[in-house]
Amino acid sequence: MERDQGISLAVPCPARLTGVRRCALNENRMNDSAKKFPFLRFILLAGWGGAILWLSLDPAPPQPSMGPFAWDKFQHATAYGLLALLWGNFLVTYRHCRRRCWLMAFAGSVVFGALLEMAQGVLTTARSAEFGDLMADAVGAGAVSLVAAVWSARRMSLAFVVALTLLSGTQGAHAADNGGVGAFVGDEAVTLRAEAGEFLAAPFRVDNSAILGTLAVAGAVGVTSLYDDDIRDEVRRSRGRTLDRATDAGNIVGHPLLHLGVAGAVWGGGLLADSPRWRDTGLMMGEAAVIADAATFVLKQSVGRARPLTGSGKGSFRPFQFESDFDSFPSMHTASSFAMASVLTRTSGSVTVGVLSYATAAFVGFSRMYDDKHWATDVLLGAAIGELAGRVVTNHYARKGSVAVVPSVSGSSAGLALVKKF
């Protein structure tokens, strides 16, 4: 069950989740605050919306010159990110909109931005409508809505609705800004689109016998589905305090958002250290995680399989309902973890790194079953999706010529590594 984000005090926090007291306390605090300051959120939202309206129609608005704030697109993204935050907070507090609050805030912010762009072209002579500005508005509002949706509602599906929208909009921003950050975002959009196409085609290729691997995975998932209940019972019998703590860590380590943060840190570290190898490694990790997560999101919502903890059984399905208890197949944590493991293994060329990476990814899958969030078949298909995403991304970089796949020998072990070309 999903906790209602509305103002009613009668809605309890889910009993199966940890931190029930903390959840109830936070809910009570939110409602107490809403009662004490009934119009505060509306005043903040209206005030900031009015400020954006004034800045958009003013023929000579103030122009900051410090750091990234001097970039017009950054100004738009920041302004509309704050607007989405205030709008979403208002909806969460005063409406029983459940998981759609942040999606509504994102959509409302983008529509507001579109109307102001039209007003600039019609009502002013010194300002003009720019599609790039609207894309920057969408990126800022979407980024805030994405983080807020996951943080407040723990809903990955809603987050990826916004994320996919952002991905589709980055090309427009690139067209309006041909240098710096805009160029990087545009290039990444082109790369992701190419990799996504390769990802969709790869399982059905016959020239490299990939279709046989696809059939093998499908067969393994089919056979494993016969034993889903038995595997679940065995995992439940293994419960203990030590495993409780270990699997808690496994769930944290396997969180898709954490993987994107790690990828960003590796990429940023590569930039600061002027290391093309680590910069590209960070990009490959992030791209593989995004592709794996997007693929699992689409399958999750299309299939709508019940999670084990619902008690509905492995054959219960509610497709396209966007319910957190009916998006079990496949496991996004597992897919993202295997995508990261695949990239790390192929870029490092180290057997030790490979073993540790895949062992960690496998334990993430076990942790999801241990917490009764997934069936064994969910984890198995998630692992296959993640591995495929990692291979597609690293092969794409190898074909671009920025890296090459070469044999690697370390001590008594041998393997393949991606080596940067200069």
Protein backbone atom coordinates (compact mmCIF):
# COMPACT_ATOMS: atom_id res chain seq x y z
CA MET A 1 0.00 0.00 0.00
CA GLU A 2 1.07 3.53 -0.60
CA ARG A 3 0.88 6.22 2.06
CA ASP A 4 -1.46 9.07 1.25
CA GLN A 5 0.37 12.35 1.06
CA GLY A 6 -2.74 14.40 1.87
CA ILE A 7 -3.77 16.29 4.96
CA SER A 8 -6.00 13.66 6.57
CA LEU A 9 -4.74 12.36 9.91
CA ALA A 10 -6.71 9.15 9.50
CA VAL A 11 -4.36 7.66 6.93
CA PRO A 12 -1.76 5.48 8.67
CA CYS A 13 1.77 4.80 7.54
CA PRO A 14 2.33 1.32 6.10
CA ALA A 15 2.88 -1.15 8.91
CA ARG A 16 5.32 -3.25 6.96
CA LEU A 17 7.80 -0.40 6.50
CA THR A 18 10.54 0.45 8.96
CA GLY A 19 10.41 3.73 10.85
CA VAL A 20 6.62 3.69 11.38
CA ARG A 21 6.83 6.02 14.38
CA ARG A 22 9.00 8.43 12.46
CA CYS A 23 6.59 8.29 9.50
CA ALA A 24 3.58 9.07 11.69
CA LEU A 25 5.47 11.85 13.47
CA ASN A 26 6.45 13.51 10.20
CA GLU A 27 2.85 13.25 8.95
CA ASN A 28 1.51 14.86 12.13
CA ARG A 29 4.10 17.62 11.93
CA MET A 30 3.14 18.37 8.35
CA ASN A 31 -0.55 18.63 9.24
CA ASP A 32 0.15 20.76 12.33
CA SER A 33 2.17 23.14 10.18
CA ALA A 34 -0.62 23.32 7.60
CA LYS A 35 -3.17 24.17 10.31
CA LYS A 36 -0.95 26.81 11.90
CA PHE A 37 -0.10 28.57 8.62
CA PRO A 38 -3.02 27.74 6.33
CA PHE A 39 -2.09 30.20 3.56
CA LEU A 40 1.72 30.18 3.83
CA ARG A 41 2.30 27.68 1.03
CA PHE A 42 -0.13 29.46 -1.26
CA ILE A 43 1.49 32.85 -0.54
CA LEU A 44 4.95 31.47 -1.31
CA LEU A 45 3.75 29.84 -4.52
CA ALA A 46 1.85 32.91 -5.70
CA GLY A 47 4.71 35.21 -4.74
CA TRP A 48 7.33 33.28 -6.66
CA GLY A 49 5.01 32.87 -9.64
CA GLY A 50 4.50 36.63 -9.65
CA ALA A 51 8.26 37.21 -9.49
CA ILE A 52 8.79 34.97 -12.52
CA LEU A 53 5.99 36.80 -14.36
CA TRP A 54 7.64 40.17 -13.67
CA LEU A 55 11.13 38.99 -14.65
CA SER A 56 9.79 37.42 -17.85
CA LEU A 57 7.94 40.53 -19.06
CA ASP A 58 10.38 43.17 -17.80
CA PRO A 59 12.19 44.60 -20.86
CA ALA A 60 15.44 44.97 -18.85
CA PRO A 61 15.49 42.36 -16.06
CA PRO A 62 18.50 42.16 -13.69
CA GLN A 63 21.34 40.08 -15.14
CA PRO A 64 23.60 38.30 -12.62
CA SER A 65 27.20 37.91 -13.76
CA MET A 66 28.56 35.41 -11.25
CA GLY A 67 29.43 31.84 -12.24
CA PRO A 68 26.67 29.67 -13.73
CA PHE A 69 24.03 32.27 -12.83
CA ALA A 70 25.28 34.32 -15.78
CA TRP A 71 23.99 31.59 -18.14
CA ASP A 72 20.44 32.32 -19.27
CA LYS A 73 19.41 28.66 -19.35
CA PHE A 74 20.66 28.09 -15.80
CA GLN A 75 18.56 31.02 -14.61
CA HIS A 76 15.46 29.50 -16.21
CA ALA A 77 16.13 26.03 -14.79
CA THR A 78 16.68 27.41 -11.28
CA ALA A 79 13.59 29.61 -11.32
CA TYR A 80 11.27 26.88 -12.53
CA GLY A 81 12.85 24.28 -10.29
CA LEU A 82 11.90 26.40 -7.29
CA LEU A 83 8.44 26.98 -8.77
CA ALA A 84 7.89 23.21 -9.10
CA LEU A 85 9.08 22.70 -5.52
CA LEU A 86 6.63 25.26 -4.13
CA TRP A 87 3.81 24.01 -6.34
CA GLY A 88 4.36 20.38 -5.42
CA ASN A 89 4.59 21.19 -1.70
CA PHE A 90 1.30 23.07 -1.94
CA LEU A 91 -0.43 20.15 -3.68
CA VAL A 92 0.97 17.53 -1.30
CA THR A 93 -0.27 19.50 1.70
CA TYR A 94 -3.74 20.50 0.57
CA ARG A 95 -4.84 17.88 -1.97
CA HIS A 96 -5.33 14.11 -1.79
CA CYS A 97 -3.51 13.66 -5.07
CA ARG A 98 -1.23 10.89 -3.82
CA ARG A 99 1.61 10.09 -6.22
CA ARG A 100 0.42 12.50 -8.93
CA CYS A 101 1.22 15.64 -6.93
CA TRP A 102 4.74 16.10 -8.26
CA LEU A 103 3.76 15.14 -11.79
CA MET A 104 1.06 17.83 -11.62
CA ALA A 105 3.62 20.33 -10.30
CA PHE A 106 6.00 19.50 -13.14
CA ALA A 107 3.28 19.79 -15.79
CA GLY A 108 1.91 23.00 -14.31
CA SER A 109 5.35 24.62 -14.23
CA VAL A 110 6.04 23.72 -17.85
CA VAL A 111 2.64 25.02 -18.99
CA PHE A 112 3.22 28.24 -17.03
CA GLY A 113 6.59 28.63 -18.73
CA ALA A 114 5.07 28.03 -22.16
CA LEU A 115 2.41 30.68 -21.57
CA LEU A 116 5.05 33.21 -20.48
CA GLU A 117 7.17 32.49 -23.56
CA MET A 118 4.11 33.19 -25.71
CA ALA A 119 3.42 36.37 -23.72
CA GLN A 120 6.99 37.56 -24.30
CA GLY A 121 6.49 37.30 -28.04
CA VAL A 122 3.06 38.97 -28.06
CA LEU A 123 3.12 41.54 -25.23
CA THR A 124 6.70 42.82 -25.38
CA THR A 125 8.98 44.26 -28.03
CA ALA A 126 12.31 43.81 -26.22
CA ARG A 127 11.76 40.12 -25.41
CA SER A 128 11.04 37.15 -27.67
CA ALA A 129 9.84 33.57 -27.23
CA GLU A 130 12.63 30.98 -27.24
CA PHE A 131 12.12 27.23 -27.35
CA GLY A 132 15.46 26.72 -25.60
CA ASP A 133 14.20 28.71 -22.62
CA LEU A 134 11.14 26.47 -22.38
CA MET A 135 13.35 23.39 -22.45
CA ALA A 136 15.46 24.85 -19.64
CA ASP A 137 12.26 25.48 -17.68
CA ALA A 138 11.28 21.83 -18.16
CA VAL A 139 14.71 20.57 -17.11
CA GLY A 140 14.69 22.60 -13.90
CA ALA A 141 11.10 21.76 -12.96
CA GLY A 142 11.58 18.13 -13.92
CA ALA A 143 14.79 17.67 -11.94
CA VAL A 144 13.20 19.02 -8.77
CA SER A 145 9.99 17.03 -9.29
CA LEU A 146 12.04 13.90 -9.94
CA VAL A 147 13.99 14.15 -6.70
CA ALA A 148 10.96 15.23 -4.66
CA ALA A 149 8.77 12.42 -6.01
CA VAL A 150 11.30 9.76 -5.10
CA TRP A 151 12.09 11.31 -1.72
CA SER A 152 8.55 11.96 -0.51
CA ALA A 153 6.68 9.10 -2.16
CA ARG A 154 9.45 6.56 -2.78
CA ARG A 155 8.03 6.13 -6.28
CA MET A 156 10.52 5.29 -9.00
CA SER A 157 7.82 4.97 -11.65
CA LEU A 158 6.68 8.58 -11.34
CA ALA A 159 10.30 9.69 -11.30
CA PHE A 160 10.99 8.01 -14.62
CA VAL A 161 7.92 9.54 -16.25
CA VAL A 162 9.54 12.91 -15.58
CA ALA A 163 13.04 11.64 -16.43
CA LEU A 164 11.98 10.37 -19.85
CA THR A 165 10.30 13.70 -20.55
CA LEU A 166 13.52 15.51 -19.68
CA LEU A 167 15.51 13.21 -21.96
CA SER A 168 13.21 13.97 -24.89
CA GLY A 169 13.58 17.71 -24.30
CA THR A 170 17.34 18.02 -24.15
CA GLN A 171 17.65 18.13 -27.94
CA GLY A 172 15.66 21.37 -28.00
CA ALA A 173 17.93 22.94 -25.43
CA HIS A 174 20.96 21.90 -27.46
CA ALA A 175 19.54 23.55 -30.57
CA ALA A 176 19.20 26.82 -28.69
CA ASP A 177 22.62 26.76 -27.08
CA ASN A 178 25.55 25.40 -29.09
CA GLY A 179 28.29 25.65 -26.51
CA GLY A 180 29.27 24.75 -22.96
CA VAL A 181 26.73 22.94 -20.86
CA GLY A 182 24.11 23.02 -23.61
CA ALA A 183 26.44 21.29 -26.04
CA PHE A 184 27.30 18.61 -23.49
CA VAL A 185 23.63 17.94 -22.71
CA GLY A 186 22.80 17.78 -26.41
CA ASP A 187 25.65 15.37 -27.12
CA GLU A 188 24.57 13.15 -24.24
CA ALA A 189 21.02 13.09 -25.59
CA VAL A 190 22.30 11.99 -29.00
CA THR A 191 24.48 9.30 -27.40
CA LEU A 192 21.68 7.99 -25.19
CA ARG A 193 19.28 7.87 -28.10
CA ALA A 194 21.75 5.85 -30.18
CA GLU A 195 22.49 3.51 -27.28
CA ALA A 196 18.80 3.04 -26.56
CA GLY A 197 18.25 2.00 -30.17
CA GLU A 198 21.11 -0.49 -29.95
CA PHE A 199 19.75 -1.79 -26.66
CA LEU A 200 16.34 -2.49 -28.19
CA ALA A 201 17.82 -4.20 -31.26
CA ALA A 202 20.61 -6.15 -29.56
CA PRO A 203 18.53 -9.06 -28.16
CA PHE A 204 17.19 -9.92 -31.63
CA ARG A 205 20.38 -9.79 -33.67
CA VAL A 206 21.23 -12.99 -35.53
CA ASP A 207 24.64 -11.99 -36.91
CA ASN A 208 26.31 -12.48 -33.51
CA SER A 209 23.93 -15.16 -32.21
CA ALA A 210 22.48 -12.73 -29.65
CA ILE A 211 19.02 -14.17 -30.35
CA LEU A 212 20.21 -17.44 -28.82
CA GLY A 213 21.15 -15.63 -25.61
CA THR A 214 17.74 -13.98 -25.57
CA LEU A 215 16.02 -17.35 -25.91
CA ALA A 216 18.23 -18.74 -23.13
CA VAL A 217 17.28 -15.90 -20.78
CA ALA A 218 13.59 -16.28 -21.64
CA GLY A 219 13.81 -20.01 -20.97
CA ALA A 220 15.62 -19.49 -17.67
CA VAL A 221 13.00 -16.97 -16.55
CA GLY A 222 10.22 -19.33 -17.56
CA VAL A 223 11.69 -22.28 -15.68
CA THR A 224 12.49 -20.17 -12.61
CA SER A 225 8.90 -18.92 -12.51
CA LEU A 226 7.81 -22.46 -11.70
CA TYR A 227 9.82 -22.29 -8.50
CA ASP A 228 9.17 -18.69 -7.45
CA ASP A 229 7.13 -19.73 -4.41
CA ASP A 230 9.67 -22.37 -3.35
CA ILE A 231 12.58 -19.94 -3.65
CA ARG A 232 10.67 -17.34 -1.66
CA ASP A 233 10.02 -19.86 1.13
CA GLU A 234 13.71 -20.83 1.25
CA VAL A 235 14.81 -17.21 1.46
CA ARG A 236 12.33 -16.50 4.24
CA ARG A 237 13.64 -19.45 6.24
CA SER A 238 17.14 -17.95 6.14
CA ARG A 239 16.13 -14.84 8.09
CA GLY A 240 18.35 -13.64 10.92
CA ARG A 241 19.63 -10.47 12.55
CA THR A 242 22.91 -10.48 10.65
CA LEU A 243 21.20 -10.94 7.30
CA ASP A 244 18.66 -8.27 8.20
CA ARG A 245 21.45 -5.72 8.56
CA ALA A 246 23.37 -6.95 5.54
CA THR A 247 20.33 -6.83 3.25
CA ASP A 248 19.44 -3.36 4.49
CA ALA A 249 22.86 -2.32 3.22
CA GLY A 250 22.27 -4.26 0.01
CA ASN A 251 19.07 -2.34 -0.66
CA ILE A 252 20.87 0.97 -0.16
CA VAL A 253 23.84 -0.01 -2.33
CA GLY A 254 21.48 -1.13 -5.08
CA HIS A 255 19.36 2.01 -5.21
CA PRO A 256 19.26 3.33 -8.80
CA LEU A 257 19.54 6.97 -7.72
CA LEU A 258 22.69 6.17 -5.75
CA HIS A 259 24.16 4.64 -8.91
CA LEU A 260 23.48 7.81 -10.87
CA GLY A 261 25.15 9.80 -8.09
CA VAL A 262 28.20 7.53 -8.15
CA ALA A 263 28.40 7.83 -11.93
CA GLY A 264 28.23 11.60 -11.64
CA ALA A 265 30.96 11.60 -8.99
CA VAL A 266 33.26 9.46 -11.17
CA TRP A 267 32.60 11.69 -14.16
CA GLY A 268 33.19 14.85 -12.11
CA GLY A 269 36.34 13.40 -10.60
CA GLY A 270 37.62 12.61 -14.08
CA LEU A 271 37.02 16.21 -15.14
CA LEU A 272 38.78 17.65 -12.09
CA ALA A 273 41.71 15.25 -12.46
CA ASP A 274 41.83 15.81 -16.24
CA SER A 275 41.49 12.03 -16.70
CA PRO A 276 39.64 11.09 -19.92
CA ARG A 277 39.52 7.48 -18.77
CA TRP A 278 37.57 8.17 -15.58
CA ARG A 279 35.46 10.84 -17.25
CA ASP A 280 34.29 8.36 -19.89
CA THR A 281 33.89 5.64 -17.27
CA GLY A 282 31.53 7.89 -15.33
CA LEU A 283 29.55 8.65 -18.48
CA MET A 284 29.30 4.96 -19.37
CA MET A 285 28.15 4.06 -15.85
CA GLY A 286 25.46 6.74 -15.92
CA GLU A 287 24.26 5.90 -19.42
CA ALA A 288 24.08 2.17 -18.68
CA ALA A 289 22.13 2.82 -15.48
CA VAL A 290 19.68 5.16 -17.24
CA ILE A 291 19.01 2.64 -20.03
CA ALA A 292 18.58 -0.26 -17.61
CA ASP A 293 16.31 1.75 -15.33
CA ALA A 294 14.18 3.05 -18.20
CA ALA A 295 13.76 -0.45 -19.65
CA THR A 296 12.71 -1.92 -16.31
CA PHE A 297 10.32 0.97 -15.71
CA VAL A 298 8.50 0.31 -18.98
CA LEU A 299 8.28 -3.41 -18.25
CA LYS A 300 7.20 -2.85 -14.64
CA GLN A 301 4.23 -0.73 -15.60
CA SER A 302 3.34 -2.81 -18.65
CA VAL A 303 3.29 -6.08 -16.70
CA GLY A 304 2.05 -4.83 -13.32
CA ARG A 305 3.04 -7.93 -11.39
CA ALA A 306 2.22 -8.09 -7.68
CA ARG A 307 5.10 -7.96 -5.23
CA PRO A 308 5.45 -10.98 -2.92
CA LEU A 309 4.65 -8.90 0.17
CA THR A 310 1.12 -8.19 -1.10
CA GLY A 311 0.12 -11.82 -0.62
CA SER A 312 -1.66 -11.76 -4.00
CA GLY A 313 0.51 -14.51 -5.46
CA LYS A 314 3.05 -14.61 -8.27
CA GLY A 315 0.30 -14.78 -10.92
CA SER A 316 -1.47 -11.55 -9.93
CA PHE A 317 -1.11 -8.71 -12.45
CA ARG A 318 -2.44 -5.14 -12.78
CA PRO A 319 -0.85 -3.67 -15.92
CA PHE A 320 -0.59 0.11 -16.39
CA GLN A 321 -1.96 0.89 -12.92
CA PHE A 322 1.24 2.61 -11.69
CA GLU A 323 0.89 1.07 -8.23
CA SER A 324 4.01 0.51 -6.12
CA ASP A 325 2.80 -2.91 -4.97
CA PHE A 326 2.19 -4.05 -8.54
CA ASP A 327 5.44 -3.22 -10.32
CA SER A 328 7.54 -6.17 -9.29
CA PHE A 329 8.69 -7.50 -12.68
CA PRO A 330 11.59 -6.93 -13.25
CA SER A 331 13.77 -5.64 -10.39
CA MET A 332 15.11 -2.14 -11.09
CA HIS A 333 17.61 -2.30 -8.21
CA THR A 334 19.08 -5.48 -9.70
CA ALA A 335 19.11 -4.17 -13.27
CA SER A 336 20.88 -0.96 -12.28
CA SER A 337 23.40 -2.87 -10.14
CA PHE A 338 24.30 -5.28 -12.95
CA ALA A 339 24.59 -2.40 -15.41
CA MET A 340 27.15 -0.76 -13.14
CA ALA A 341 28.96 -4.07 -12.59
CA SER A 342 29.13 -4.70 -16.32
CA VAL A 343 30.68 -1.30 -17.07
CA LEU A 344 33.15 -1.48 -14.15
CA THR A 345 34.28 -4.97 -15.13
CA ARG A 346 34.77 -4.16 -18.81
CA THR A 347 36.52 -0.83 -18.20
CA SER A 348 38.85 -2.01 -15.42
CA GLY A 349 40.09 -5.22 -17.01
CA SER A 350 40.61 -6.58 -13.49
CA VAL A 351 39.25 -9.98 -12.52
CA THR A 352 39.14 -8.89 -8.87
CA VAL A 353 37.07 -5.80 -9.68
CA GLY A 354 34.79 -7.92 -11.85
CA VAL A 355 34.20 -10.54 -9.17
CA LEU A 356 33.51 -7.92 -6.50
CA SER A 357 31.20 -5.93 -8.80
CA TYR A 358 29.09 -8.88 -9.84
CA ALA A 359 29.03 -10.33 -6.32
CA THR A 360 27.71 -7.00 -5.03
CA ALA A 361 25.09 -6.86 -7.79
CA ALA A 362 24.00 -10.44 -7.04
CA PHE A 363 23.68 -9.63 -3.33
CA VAL A 364 21.49 -6.65 -4.21
CA GLY A 365 19.18 -9.07 -6.02
CA PHE A 366 19.15 -11.38 -3.01
CA SER A 367 18.38 -8.42 -0.74
CA ARG A 368 15.32 -7.56 -2.82
CA MET A 369 14.03 -11.12 -2.45
CA TYR A 370 14.92 -11.17 1.25
CA ASP A 371 12.84 -8.03 1.82
CA ASP A 372 9.94 -9.69 -0.01
CA LYS A 373 9.98 -6.99 -2.67
CA HIS A 374 10.68 -9.28 -5.62
CA TRP A 375 10.30 -12.82 -6.91
CA ALA A 376 13.33 -14.73 -8.16
CA THR A 377 12.23 -14.24 -11.78
CA ASP A 378 12.13 -10.46 -11.24
CA VAL A 379 15.74 -10.52 -10.12
CA LEU A 380 16.86 -12.85 -12.91
CA LEU A 381 15.41 -10.71 -15.70
CA GLY A 382 16.67 -7.53 -14.01
CA ALA A 383 20.20 -8.95 -14.01
CA ALA A 384 19.95 -9.79 -17.71
CA ILE A 385 18.68 -6.30 -18.57
CA GLY A 386 21.46 -4.64 -16.60
CA GLU A 387 24.16 -6.78 -18.18
CA LEU A 388 22.82 -6.03 -21.65
CA ALA A 389 22.76 -2.28 -20.92
CA GLY A 390 26.36 -2.33 -19.72
CA ARG A 391 27.56 -4.24 -22.77
CA VAL A 392 25.67 -2.03 -25.22
CA VAL A 393 27.11 1.16 -23.73
CA THR A 394 30.72 -0.03 -23.55
CA ASN A 395 30.54 -1.44 -27.08
CA HIS A 396 29.10 1.85 -28.30
CA TYR A 397 32.04 3.76 -26.87
CA ALA A 398 34.45 1.25 -28.39
CA ARG A 399 32.90 1.72 -31.82
CA LYS A 400 33.09 5.53 -31.48
CA GLY A 401 36.84 5.14 -31.20
CA SER A 402 37.22 6.85 -27.83
CA VAL A 403 38.08 3.54 -26.21
CA ALA A 404 39.31 0.17 -27.42
CA VAL A 405 38.76 -3.36 -26.14
CA VAL A 406 42.17 -4.98 -25.55
CA PRO A 407 43.45 -8.05 -23.69
CA SER A 408 44.58 -7.39 -20.12
CA VAL A 409 46.92 -9.50 -17.98
CA SER A 410 47.28 -8.89 -14.25
CA GLY A 411 49.42 -11.30 -12.30
CA SER A 412 48.05 -14.77 -12.94
CA SER A 413 44.73 -13.56 -14.35
CA ALA A 414 43.67 -12.35 -17.78
CA GLY A 415 40.70 -10.48 -19.18
CA LEU A 416 39.52 -7.69 -21.49
CA ALA A 417 39.74 -3.98 -20.75
CA LEU A 418 38.52 -0.77 -22.38
CA VAL A 419 41.53 1.49 -22.98
CA LYS A 420 41.29 5.20 -23.77
CA LYS A 421 42.72 6.33 -27.11
CA PHE A 422 44.51 9.69 -27.41
